Amino acid sequence: MKTQRADILYLEDHEDTVELVTLVLTRNNYNVVAAKNYEDALLLARTRPFDLYLIDNWIVGGSGIELCKKLRKTDPVTPILFYSAAAYEYDREDAFAAGADGYVIKPALHDQLLSEVSRLICTARQNHGCHRKTKVSDAHAN
């Protein structure tokens, strides 16, 4: 049985990184929606379902940690993966304390990023069904 393409919401402040990661993920059968800033990411998460949130620590309009906390409050199911150059142990600890499910340090080999994306999506699908098609609740959005 062929699995459905997974939808990924990606928030990153460097355009070159967005292009490269989007290309890598798209070539590996993922749909990528790139958010431009913190508010855009929240709006997208409220209006359509995603199988994974991929975020950086440093984003336009807020922080990745703040975004992770907000997403986690309203969506306890969808995996959150940080892809960040913030490489200190406390950066990882802060991300996991905020509700992240994974943390990949830039620059990572594409295989490492793909492996973590695949692992998190597969685990979520096993735990919550084949393809999660709910959206972040507007009732808890603020």
C-alpha atoms as a PDB file:
ATOM      1  CA  MET A   1       0.000   0.000   0.000  1.00  0.00           C
ATOM      2  CA  LYS A   2       1.396   3.375  -1.011  1.00  0.00           C
ATOM      3  CA  THR A   3       1.472   5.977   1.747  1.00  0.00           C
ATOM      4  CA  GLN A   4       0.006   9.431   1.223  1.00  0.00           C
ATOM      5  CA  ARG A   5       2.289  12.388   0.739  1.00  0.00           C
ATOM      6  CA  ALA A   6       2.888  14.183   3.982  1.00  0.00           C
ATOM      7  CA  ASP A   7       2.225  17.906   4.346  1.00  0.00           C
ATOM      8  CA  ILE A   8       4.932  19.912   6.105  1.00  0.00           C
ATOM      9  CA  LEU A   9       4.650  23.479   7.376  1.00  0.00           C
ATOM     10  CA  TYR A  10       8.145  24.976   7.239  1.00  0.00           C
ATOM     11  CA  LEU A  11       9.227  28.207   8.904  1.00  0.00           C
ATOM     12  CA  GLU A  12      12.762  29.435   8.295  1.00  0.00           C
ATOM     13  CA  ASP A  13      14.113  32.983   7.984  1.00  0.00           C
ATOM     14  CA  HIS A  14      16.826  32.323   5.368  1.00  0.00           C
ATOM     15  CA  GLU A  15      15.457  32.127   1.818  1.00  0.00           C
ATOM     16  CA  ASP A  16      18.343  29.999   0.523  1.00  0.00           C
ATOM     17  CA  THR A  17      17.751  27.435   3.251  1.00  0.00           C
ATOM     18  CA  VAL A  18      14.012  27.435   2.519  1.00  0.00           C
ATOM     19  CA  GLU A  19      14.695  26.758  -1.158  1.00  0.00           C
ATOM     20  CA  LEU A  20      17.199  23.990  -0.492  1.00  0.00           C
ATOM     21  CA  VAL A  21      15.179  22.193   2.193  1.00  0.00           C
ATOM     22  CA  THR A  22      11.972  22.533   0.169  1.00  0.00           C
ATOM     23  CA  LEU A  23      13.725  21.025  -2.859  1.00  0.00           C
ATOM     24  CA  VAL A  24      15.119  18.116  -0.847  1.00  0.00           C
ATOM     25  CA  LEU A  25      11.789  17.383   0.835  1.00  0.00           C
ATOM     26  CA  THR A  26       9.755  17.748  -2.371  1.00  0.00           C
ATOM     27  CA  ARG A  27      12.059  15.369  -4.226  1.00  0.00           C
ATOM     28  CA  ASN A  28      11.400  12.867  -1.445  1.00  0.00           C
ATOM     29  CA  ASN A  29       7.619  12.977  -1.847  1.00  0.00           C
ATOM     30  CA  TYR A  30       6.716  15.607   0.770  1.00  0.00           C
ATOM     31  CA  ASN A  31       4.467  18.629   0.209  1.00  0.00           C
ATOM     32  CA  VAL A  32       6.088  21.714   1.736  1.00  0.00           C
ATOM     33  CA  VAL A  33       4.295  24.931   2.602  1.00  0.00           C
ATOM     34  CA  ALA A  34       6.742  27.658   3.595  1.00  0.00           C
ATOM     35  CA  ALA A  35       5.533  30.286   6.044  1.00  0.00           C
ATOM     36  CA  LYS A  36       7.052  33.749   5.833  1.00  0.00           C
ATOM     37  CA  ASN A  37       6.915  34.611   9.539  1.00  0.00           C
ATOM     38  CA  TYR A  38       5.545  33.665  12.970  1.00  0.00           C
ATOM     39  CA  GLU A  39       2.022  34.995  12.320  1.00  0.00           C
ATOM     40  CA  ASP A  40       1.856  33.401   8.867  1.00  0.00           C
ATOM     41  CA  ALA A  41       2.801  30.040  10.380  1.00  0.00           C
ATOM     42  CA  LEU A  42       0.061  30.305  13.022  1.00  0.00           C
ATOM     43  CA  LEU A  43      -2.513  31.266  10.403  1.00  0.00           C
ATOM     44  CA  LEU A  44      -1.558  28.374   8.152  1.00  0.00           C
ATOM     45  CA  ALA A  45      -1.654  25.935  11.076  1.00  0.00           C
ATOM     46  CA  ARG A  46      -5.163  27.146  11.948  1.00  0.00           C
ATOM     47  CA  THR A  47      -6.515  26.881   8.418  1.00  0.00           C
ATOM     48  CA  ARG A  48      -5.220  23.525   7.218  1.00  0.00           C
ATOM     49  CA  PRO A  49      -3.797  20.308   8.618  1.00  0.00           C
ATOM     50  CA  PHE A  50      -0.147  19.362   8.518  1.00  0.00           C
ATOM     51  CA  ASP A  51       1.714  16.139   9.240  1.00  0.00           C
ATOM     52  CA  LEU A  52       4.808  17.924  10.568  1.00  0.00           C
ATOM     53  CA  TYR A  53       5.863  21.386  11.663  1.00  0.00           C
ATOM     54  CA  LEU A  54       9.492  22.124  10.722  1.00  0.00           C
ATOM     55  CA  ILE A  55      10.782  25.275  12.399  1.00  0.00           C
ATOM     56  CA  ASP A  56      13.953  27.202  13.131  1.00  0.00           C
ATOM     57  CA  ASN A  57      14.837  28.753  16.491  1.00  0.00           C
ATOM     58  CA  TRP A  58      15.199  32.218  14.984  1.00  0.00           C
ATOM     59  CA  ILE A  59      12.212  33.338  12.949  1.00  0.00           C
ATOM     60  CA  VAL A  60      10.711  36.613  11.780  1.00  0.00           C
ATOM     61  CA  GLY A  61       8.147  37.930  14.252  1.00  0.00           C
ATOM     62  CA  GLY A  62       8.978  35.719  17.217  1.00  0.00           C
ATOM     63  CA  SER A  63      11.005  32.735  18.286  1.00  0.00           C
ATOM     64  CA  GLY A  64      10.775  29.100  17.345  1.00  0.00           C
ATOM     65  CA  ILE A  65      10.376  28.230  21.024  1.00  0.00           C
ATOM     66  CA  GLU A  66       7.377  30.569  21.341  1.00  0.00           C
ATOM     67  CA  LEU A  67       5.848  29.136  18.172  1.00  0.00           C
ATOM     68  CA  CYS A  68       6.413  25.584  19.366  1.00  0.00           C
ATOM     69  CA  LYS A  69       4.662  26.313  22.662  1.00  0.00           C
ATOM     70  CA  LYS A  70       1.718  27.934  20.883  1.00  0.00           C
ATOM     71  CA  LEU A  71       1.382  25.077  18.399  1.00  0.00           C
ATOM     72  CA  ARG A  72       1.697  22.473  21.113  1.00  0.00           C
ATOM     73  CA  LYS A  73      -1.049  24.079  23.226  1.00  0.00           C
ATOM     74  CA  THR A  74      -3.513  23.858  20.370  1.00  0.00           C
ATOM     75  CA  ASP A  75      -2.204  20.733  18.636  1.00  0.00           C
ATOM     76  CA  PRO A  76      -0.748  18.038  20.882  1.00  0.00           C
ATOM     77  CA  VAL A  77      -0.552  15.504  18.028  1.00  0.00           C
ATOM     78  CA  THR A  78       1.376  16.897  15.050  1.00  0.00           C
ATOM     79  CA  PRO A  79       5.130  16.365  15.416  1.00  0.00           C
ATOM     80  CA  ILE A  80       7.352  19.427  15.686  1.00  0.00           C
ATOM     81  CA  LEU A  81      10.915  19.242  14.401  1.00  0.00           C
ATOM     82  CA  PHE A  82      13.444  22.002  14.935  1.00  0.00           C
ATOM     83  CA  TYR A  83      16.004  22.492  12.175  1.00  0.00           C
ATOM     84  CA  SER A  84      18.329  25.106  13.585  1.00  0.00           C
ATOM     85  CA  ALA A  85      21.907  26.319  13.839  1.00  0.00           C
ATOM     86  CA  ALA A  86      21.362  26.834  17.576  1.00  0.00           C
ATOM     87  CA  ALA A  87      23.680  24.028  18.609  1.00  0.00           C
ATOM     88  CA  TYR A  88      24.072  24.343  22.352  1.00  0.00           C
ATOM     89  CA  GLU A  89      22.597  21.648  24.562  1.00  0.00           C
ATOM     90  CA  TYR A  90      20.352  24.207  26.265  1.00  0.00           C
ATOM     91  CA  ASP A  91      18.881  25.103  22.822  1.00  0.00           C
ATOM     92  CA  ARG A  92      17.831  21.479  22.362  1.00  0.00           C
ATOM     93  CA  GLU A  93      16.571  21.259  25.939  1.00  0.00           C
ATOM     94  CA  ASP A  94      14.489  24.429  25.506  1.00  0.00           C
ATOM     95  CA  ALA A  95      12.971  23.057  22.291  1.00  0.00           C
ATOM     96  CA  PHE A  96      12.031  19.739  23.872  1.00  0.00           C
ATOM     97  CA  ALA A  97      10.658  21.517  26.961  1.00  0.00           C
ATOM     98  CA  ALA A  98       8.470  23.614  24.622  1.00  0.00           C
ATOM     99  CA  GLY A  99       7.035  20.448  23.061  1.00  0.00           C
ATOM    100  CA  ALA A 100       9.353  19.571  20.180  1.00  0.00           C
ATOM    101  CA  ASP A 101       9.639  15.962  19.079  1.00  0.00           C
ATOM    102  CA  GLY A 102      12.999  16.260  17.356  1.00  0.00           C
ATOM    103  CA  TYR A 103      15.965  18.560  16.843  1.00  0.00           C
ATOM    104  CA  VAL A 104      18.391  18.570  13.912  1.00  0.00           C
ATOM    105  CA  ILE A 105      21.365  20.944  13.955  1.00  0.00           C
ATOM    106  CA  LYS A 106      22.310  22.840  10.789  1.00  0.00           C
ATOM    107  CA  PRO A 107      24.084  22.227   8.643  1.00  0.00           C
ATOM    108  CA  ALA A 108      22.958  18.626   8.667  1.00  0.00           C
ATOM    109  CA  LEU A 109      23.358  16.135   5.886  1.00  0.00           C
ATOM    110  CA  HIS A 110      20.161  15.858   3.875  1.00  0.00           C
ATOM    111  CA  ASP A 111      19.917  12.186   4.838  1.00  0.00           C
ATOM    112  CA  GLN A 112      19.903  13.118   8.518  1.00  0.00           C
ATOM    113  CA  LEU A 113      17.095  15.648   8.057  1.00  0.00           C
ATOM    114  CA  LEU A 114      15.093  13.274   5.861  1.00  0.00           C
ATOM    115  CA  SER A 115      15.535  10.441   8.334  1.00  0.00           C
ATOM    116  CA  GLU A 116      14.212  12.538  11.207  1.00  0.00           C
ATOM    117  CA  VAL A 117      11.285  13.891   9.147  1.00  0.00           C
ATOM    118  CA  SER A 118      10.351  10.368   8.092  1.00  0.00           C
ATOM    119  CA  ARG A 119      10.698   8.972  11.613  1.00  0.00           C
ATOM    120  CA  LEU A 120       8.473  11.612  13.167  1.00  0.00           C
ATOM    121  CA  ILE A 121       5.772  11.384  10.494  1.00  0.00           C
ATOM    122  CA  CYS A 122       5.744   7.566  10.539  1.00  0.00           C
ATOM    123  CA  THR A 123       5.520   7.502  14.332  1.00  0.00           C
ATOM    124  CA  ALA A 124       2.652  10.003  14.311  1.00  0.00           C
ATOM    125  CA  ARG A 125       0.807   8.019  11.643  1.00  0.00           C
ATOM    126  CA  GLN A 126       1.214   4.800  13.604  1.00  0.00           C
ATOM    127  CA  ASN A 127      -0.029   6.452  16.776  1.00  0.00           C
ATOM    128  CA  HIS A 128      -2.797   8.619  15.310  1.00  0.00           C
ATOM    129  CA  GLY A 129      -3.894   7.052  12.034  1.00  0.00           C
ATOM    130  CA  CYS A 130      -2.682   7.000   8.462  1.00  0.00           C
ATOM    131  CA  HIS A 131      -2.971  10.691   7.681  1.00  0.00           C
ATOM    132  CA  ARG A 132      -3.985  13.288  10.231  1.00  0.00           C
ATOM    133  CA  LYS A 133      -6.505  15.616   8.677  1.00  0.00           C
ATOM    134  CA  THR A 134      -7.503  17.974  11.447  1.00  0.00           C
ATOM    135  CA  LYS A 135      -6.403  21.536  11.920  1.00  0.00           C
ATOM    136  CA  VAL A 136      -5.253  23.534  14.899  1.00  0.00           C
ATOM    137  CA  SER A 137      -8.329  24.582  16.818  1.00  0.00           C
ATOM    138  CA  ASP A 138      -9.247  28.241  16.501  1.00  0.00           C
ATOM    139  CA  ALA A 139     -10.750  28.068  19.984  1.00  0.00           C
ATOM    140  CA  HIS A 140      -7.277  27.779  21.491  1.00  0.00           C
ATOM    141  CA  ALA A 141      -5.413  29.901  18.954  1.00  0.00           C
ATOM    142  CA  ASN A 142      -4.709  32.846  21.214  1.00  0.00           C
END
